[in-house]
């Protein structure tokens, strides 16, 4: 059975990469960075699986 994806807020993603929250949103607009997932009207989150896949691609590059 596949475990459901877990999600992080922009604050948690920023802490993960030691950058400002605005940087995460800029990366999502301008770079090959995972896009957020809209979970509600004012609720956007990043899937941990997407972030880990992005990290793996960065290590290879």
Protein backbone atom coordinates (compact mmCIF):
# COMPACT_ATOMS: atom_id res chain seq x y z
CA UNK A 1 0.00 0.00 0.00
CA UNK A 2 1.33 3.45 -0.94
CA UNK A 3 1.55 5.91 1.96
CA UNK A 4 -0.12 9.25 1.18
CA UNK A 5 2.14 12.18 0.37
CA UNK A 6 2.98 14.51 3.17
CA UNK A 7 2.96 18.24 2.64
CA UNK A 8 5.03 21.20 3.80
CA UNK A 9 4.11 24.87 4.11
CA UNK A 10 6.20 27.56 2.43
CA UNK A 11 7.74 28.29 5.84
CA UNK A 12 8.77 24.65 6.27
CA UNK A 13 10.19 24.48 2.74
CA UNK A 14 12.15 27.69 3.36
CA UNK A 15 13.57 26.22 6.57
CA UNK A 16 14.51 23.02 4.73
CA UNK A 17 16.67 25.00 2.27
CA UNK A 18 17.70 27.81 4.66
CA UNK A 19 16.18 30.55 2.48
CA UNK A 20 13.42 33.13 2.87
CA UNK A 21 9.82 32.16 2.11
CA UNK A 22 9.78 34.62 -0.80
CA UNK A 23 12.69 32.73 -2.35
CA UNK A 24 10.62 29.52 -2.45
CA UNK A 25 7.83 31.28 -4.34
CA UNK A 26 10.33 32.89 -6.74
CA UNK A 27 12.02 29.52 -7.39
CA UNK A 28 8.62 27.99 -8.16
CA UNK A 29 7.96 30.76 -10.72
CA UNK A 30 11.41 31.06 -12.31
CA UNK A 31 13.22 27.75 -11.92
CA UNK A 32 12.82 24.03 -12.22
CA UNK A 33 11.43 23.86 -8.68
CA UNK A 34 8.32 21.91 -7.68
CA UNK A 35 5.09 23.85 -7.88
CA UNK A 36 2.84 24.08 -4.86
CA UNK A 37 -0.39 22.12 -4.68
CA UNK A 38 -3.60 23.97 -3.88
CA UNK A 39 -5.42 22.13 -1.11
CA UNK A 40 -8.04 24.80 -0.45
CA UNK A 41 -8.99 28.39 -1.16
CA UNK A 42 -6.01 29.84 0.72
CA UNK A 43 -3.99 26.69 1.30
CA UNK A 44 -0.95 25.86 -0.84
CA UNK A 45 1.53 23.18 0.13
CA UNK A 46 4.53 21.37 -1.37
CA UNK A 47 4.60 17.59 -1.55
CA UNK A 48 7.63 16.14 0.22
CA UNK A 49 7.92 13.54 -2.57
CA UNK A 50 8.21 16.33 -5.17
CA UNK A 51 10.87 18.12 -3.12
CA UNK A 52 12.90 14.93 -2.63
CA UNK A 53 12.75 14.18 -6.36
CA UNK A 54 13.93 17.74 -7.12
CA UNK A 55 16.78 17.32 -4.61
CA UNK A 56 17.86 14.08 -6.28
CA UNK A 57 17.95 15.80 -9.68
CA UNK A 58 20.11 18.59 -8.22
CA UNK A 59 22.63 16.05 -6.88
CA UNK A 60 22.96 14.43 -10.31
CA UNK A 61 23.37 17.73 -12.16
